[in-house]
Amino acid sequence: SMFDNNQKIGQEIIWYIDKEYRRGSIGIRLLKEFEKQCKLNGANLLVMVYMGNLNSELLDRFYKLNNYKLLENQFIKGA
């Protein structure tokens, strides 16, 4: 972590699943593998992000059901 050298954080940057594979358990399987790999590499915290133009209600529910807590939101404006 840039705020605490004793914290090792696993953070996704971007995930993309082809539309034909979005139904079913692929999302939960990817998340569980991500969590497993982060823990194997010593992560203390896991960070997941989704873009505001996606189905935010679905993704919010997905992460909360998997024990993630909302920490912050970002606002962006063109210069």
N, C-alpha and C. Protein backbone atom coordinates (compact mmCIF):
# COMPACT_ATOMS: atom_id res chain seq x y z
N SER A 1 0.84 -1.19 0.00
CA SER A 1 0.00 0.00 0.00
C SER A 1 0.87 1.24 0.00
N MET A 2 0.46 2.25 -0.75
CA MET A 2 1.24 3.49 -0.73
C MET A 2 1.09 4.23 0.59
N PHE A 3 0.13 3.81 1.42
CA PHE A 3 -0.09 4.46 2.71
C PHE A 3 0.55 3.71 3.87
N ASP A 4 0.85 2.42 3.66
CA ASP A 4 1.37 1.59 4.75
C ASP A 4 2.19 0.46 4.14
N ASN A 5 3.50 0.49 4.33
CA ASN A 5 4.37 -0.54 3.77
C ASN A 5 4.12 -1.94 4.34
N ASN A 6 3.40 -2.02 5.46
CA ASN A 6 3.09 -3.32 6.05
C ASN A 6 1.86 -3.97 5.43
N GLN A 7 1.16 -3.25 4.59
CA GLN A 7 -0.04 -3.78 3.92
C GLN A 7 0.31 -4.17 2.50
N LYS A 8 -0.07 -5.37 2.12
CA LYS A 8 0.08 -5.81 0.73
C LYS A 8 -1.34 -5.95 0.17
N ILE A 9 -1.61 -5.24 -0.91
CA ILE A 9 -2.96 -5.16 -1.45
C ILE A 9 -3.03 -5.84 -2.81
N GLY A 10 -4.05 -6.67 -2.98
CA GLY A 10 -4.36 -7.24 -4.28
C GLY A 10 -5.49 -6.43 -4.90
N GLN A 11 -5.26 -5.87 -6.08
CA GLN A 11 -6.28 -5.03 -6.71
C GLN A 11 -6.42 -5.39 -8.18
N GLU A 12 -7.66 -5.62 -8.58
CA GLU A 12 -7.89 -5.87 -10.00
C GLU A 12 -7.83 -4.54 -10.74
N ILE A 13 -7.43 -4.61 -11.99
CA ILE A 13 -7.38 -3.42 -12.82
C ILE A 13 -8.58 -3.41 -13.77
N ILE A 14 -8.72 -4.48 -14.53
CA ILE A 14 -9.89 -4.58 -15.41
C ILE A 14 -10.13 -6.06 -15.71
N TRP A 15 -11.39 -6.43 -15.72
CA TRP A 15 -11.80 -7.77 -16.13
C TRP A 15 -12.75 -7.61 -17.28
N TYR A 16 -12.65 -8.53 -18.21
CA TYR A 16 -13.62 -8.54 -19.31
C TYR A 16 -14.00 -9.98 -19.58
N ILE A 17 -15.29 -10.24 -19.59
CA ILE A 17 -15.81 -11.57 -19.90
C ILE A 17 -16.65 -11.44 -21.16
N ASP A 18 -16.32 -12.23 -22.18
CA ASP A 18 -17.11 -12.23 -23.41
C ASP A 18 -18.58 -12.44 -23.08
N LYS A 19 -19.42 -11.73 -23.80
CA LYS A 19 -20.86 -11.74 -23.55
C LYS A 19 -21.45 -13.16 -23.49
N GLU A 20 -20.97 -14.05 -24.33
CA GLU A 20 -21.52 -15.40 -24.37
C GLU A 20 -21.23 -16.20 -23.10
N TYR A 21 -20.26 -15.76 -22.28
CA TYR A 21 -19.89 -16.48 -21.06
C TYR A 21 -20.38 -15.80 -19.78
N ARG A 22 -21.12 -14.72 -19.89
CA ARG A 22 -21.50 -13.93 -18.71
C ARG A 22 -22.58 -14.56 -17.84
N ARG A 23 -23.29 -15.50 -18.33
CA ARG A 23 -24.29 -16.20 -17.52
C ARG A 23 -23.60 -17.36 -16.80
N GLY A 24 -24.14 -17.74 -15.69
CA GLY A 24 -23.56 -18.88 -14.98
C GLY A 24 -22.59 -18.45 -13.91
N SER A 25 -21.61 -19.29 -13.65
CA SER A 25 -20.75 -19.10 -12.48
C SER A 25 -19.36 -18.54 -12.81
N ILE A 26 -19.13 -18.07 -14.02
CA ILE A 26 -17.78 -17.62 -14.39
C ILE A 26 -17.30 -16.46 -13.51
N GLY A 27 -18.19 -15.52 -13.19
CA GLY A 27 -17.78 -14.37 -12.37
C GLY A 27 -17.33 -14.79 -10.98
N ILE A 28 -18.09 -15.64 -10.33
CA ILE A 28 -17.71 -16.08 -8.98
C ILE A 28 -16.45 -16.94 -9.02
N ARG A 29 -16.30 -17.74 -10.06
CA ARG A 29 -15.10 -18.57 -10.19
C ARG A 29 -13.86 -17.70 -10.37
N LEU A 30 -13.97 -16.66 -11.20
CA LEU A 30 -12.85 -15.74 -11.38
C LEU A 30 -12.51 -15.00 -10.09
N LEU A 31 -13.54 -14.53 -9.39
CA LEU A 31 -13.32 -13.81 -8.14
C LEU A 31 -12.63 -14.71 -7.12
N LYS A 32 -13.10 -15.93 -6.97
CA LYS A 32 -12.50 -16.85 -5.98
C LYS A 32 -11.04 -17.18 -6.34
N GLU A 33 -10.74 -17.34 -7.61
CA GLU A 33 -9.36 -17.60 -8.02
C GLU A 33 -8.48 -16.37 -7.78
N PHE A 34 -9.01 -15.18 -8.07
CA PHE A 34 -8.30 -13.93 -7.78
C PHE A 34 -7.99 -13.85 -6.28
N GLU A 35 -8.98 -14.10 -5.45
CA GLU A 35 -8.78 -14.04 -4.00
C GLU A 35 -7.74 -15.07 -3.55
N LYS A 36 -7.81 -16.26 -4.09
CA LYS A 36 -6.86 -17.32 -3.74
C LYS A 36 -5.43 -16.91 -4.09
N GLN A 37 -5.23 -16.40 -5.30
CA GLN A 37 -3.90 -15.99 -5.73
C GLN A 37 -3.37 -14.82 -4.90
N CYS A 38 -4.24 -13.88 -4.57
CA CYS A 38 -3.83 -12.75 -3.72
C CYS A 38 -3.37 -13.24 -2.35
N LYS A 39 -4.13 -14.13 -1.77
CA LYS A 39 -3.77 -14.66 -0.44
C LYS A 39 -2.47 -15.45 -0.50
N LEU A 40 -2.30 -16.25 -1.55
CA LEU A 40 -1.04 -17.02 -1.70
C LEU A 40 0.16 -16.09 -1.83
N ASN A 41 -0.06 -14.88 -2.34
CA ASN A 41 1.02 -13.91 -2.50
C ASN A 41 1.10 -12.91 -1.35
N GLY A 42 0.40 -13.19 -0.26
CA GLY A 42 0.53 -12.40 0.96
C GLY A 42 -0.32 -11.15 1.06
N ALA A 43 -1.35 -11.03 0.24
CA ALA A 43 -2.19 -9.82 0.31
C ALA A 43 -2.96 -9.77 1.62
N ASN A 44 -3.01 -8.58 2.22
CA ASN A 44 -3.79 -8.33 3.43
C ASN A 44 -5.18 -7.81 3.08
N LEU A 45 -5.27 -7.10 1.96
CA LEU A 45 -6.53 -6.50 1.53
C LEU A 45 -6.75 -6.79 0.05
N LEU A 46 -8.02 -6.88 -0.33
CA LEU A 46 -8.39 -7.07 -1.73
C LEU A 46 -9.26 -5.91 -2.16
N VAL A 47 -9.00 -5.38 -3.34
CA VAL A 47 -9.75 -4.22 -3.85
C VAL A 47 -10.34 -4.57 -5.20
N MET A 48 -11.63 -4.35 -5.33
CA MET A 48 -12.34 -4.58 -6.59
C MET A 48 -13.00 -3.26 -6.98
N VAL A 49 -13.05 -3.00 -8.29
CA VAL A 49 -13.59 -1.75 -8.80
C VAL A 49 -14.51 -2.08 -9.96
N TYR A 50 -15.56 -1.28 -10.16
CA TYR A 50 -16.33 -1.40 -11.39
C TYR A 50 -16.62 -0.01 -11.92
N MET A 51 -16.73 0.08 -13.23
CA MET A 51 -16.98 1.36 -13.90
C MET A 51 -18.43 1.77 -13.70
N GLY A 52 -18.67 3.06 -13.57
CA GLY A 52 -20.00 3.58 -13.34
C GLY A 52 -20.98 3.36 -14.48
N ASN A 53 -20.47 3.08 -15.67
CA ASN A 53 -21.36 2.88 -16.81
C ASN A 53 -21.80 1.41 -16.96
N LEU A 54 -21.40 0.56 -16.02
CA LEU A 54 -21.82 -0.83 -16.03
C LEU A 54 -23.07 -0.99 -15.18
N ASN A 55 -23.55 -2.21 -15.03
CA ASN A 55 -24.73 -2.48 -14.22
C ASN A 55 -24.34 -2.40 -12.75
N SER A 56 -24.34 -1.18 -12.21
CA SER A 56 -23.83 -0.96 -10.86
C SER A 56 -24.64 -1.67 -9.79
N GLU A 57 -25.95 -1.78 -9.96
CA GLU A 57 -26.76 -2.47 -8.95
C GLU A 57 -26.38 -3.95 -8.87
N LEU A 58 -26.20 -4.58 -10.01
CA LEU A 58 -25.82 -5.99 -10.05
C LEU A 58 -24.43 -6.19 -9.45
N LEU A 59 -23.48 -5.35 -9.85
CA LEU A 59 -22.11 -5.51 -9.36
C LEU A 59 -22.01 -5.17 -7.88
N ASP A 60 -22.73 -4.17 -7.42
CA ASP A 60 -22.76 -3.82 -6.00
C ASP A 60 -23.25 -5.01 -5.18
N ARG A 61 -24.33 -5.62 -5.63
CA ARG A 61 -24.89 -6.78 -4.93
C ARG A 61 -23.90 -7.96 -4.96
N PHE A 62 -23.27 -8.19 -6.13
CA PHE A 62 -22.30 -9.28 -6.27
C PHE A 62 -21.16 -9.14 -5.26
N TYR A 63 -20.57 -7.95 -5.18
CA TYR A 63 -19.45 -7.77 -4.25
C TYR A 63 -19.89 -7.84 -2.79
N LYS A 64 -21.02 -7.26 -2.47
CA LYS A 64 -21.51 -7.33 -1.09
C LYS A 64 -21.81 -8.77 -0.68
N LEU A 65 -22.37 -9.57 -1.58
CA LEU A 65 -22.64 -10.98 -1.29
C LEU A 65 -21.35 -11.76 -1.06
N ASN A 66 -20.25 -11.25 -1.57
CA ASN A 66 -18.95 -11.88 -1.40
C ASN A 66 -18.10 -11.18 -0.34
N ASN A 67 -18.77 -10.48 0.56
CA ASN A 67 -18.17 -9.86 1.76
C ASN A 67 -17.25 -8.68 1.49
N TYR A 68 -17.45 -7.99 0.38
CA TYR A 68 -16.73 -6.74 0.12
C TYR A 68 -17.58 -5.59 0.65
N LYS A 69 -16.90 -4.54 1.10
CA LYS A 69 -17.59 -3.35 1.61
C LYS A 69 -17.23 -2.16 0.73
N LEU A 70 -18.20 -1.32 0.47
CA LEU A 70 -17.95 -0.10 -0.31
C LEU A 70 -17.08 0.85 0.49
N LEU A 71 -16.00 1.33 -0.12
CA LEU A 71 -15.10 2.23 0.56
C LEU A 71 -15.20 3.66 0.03
N GLU A 72 -15.24 3.84 -1.27
CA GLU A 72 -15.32 5.19 -1.82
C GLU A 72 -15.91 5.15 -3.23
N ASN A 73 -16.28 6.30 -3.71
CA ASN A 73 -16.70 6.49 -5.09
C ASN A 73 -15.79 7.53 -5.72
N GLN A 74 -15.66 7.50 -7.02
CA GLN A 74 -14.85 8.49 -7.72
C GLN A 74 -15.74 9.29 -8.65
N PHE A 75 -15.44 10.56 -8.78
CA PHE A 75 -16.12 11.43 -9.71
C PHE A 75 -15.10 11.99 -10.68
N ILE A 76 -15.44 12.01 -11.95
CA ILE A 76 -14.50 12.45 -12.98
C ILE A 76 -15.14 13.57 -13.80
N LYS A 77 -14.33 14.58 -14.14
CA LYS A 77 -14.81 15.71 -14.94
C LYS A 77 -13.74 16.04 -15.98
N GLY A 78 -14.17 16.32 -17.19
CA GLY A 78 -13.24 16.76 -18.21
C GLY A 78 -12.67 18.12 -17.86
N ALA A 79 -11.45 18.37 -18.25
CA ALA A 79 -10.79 19.63 -17.91
C ALA A 79 -11.25 20.77 -18.80
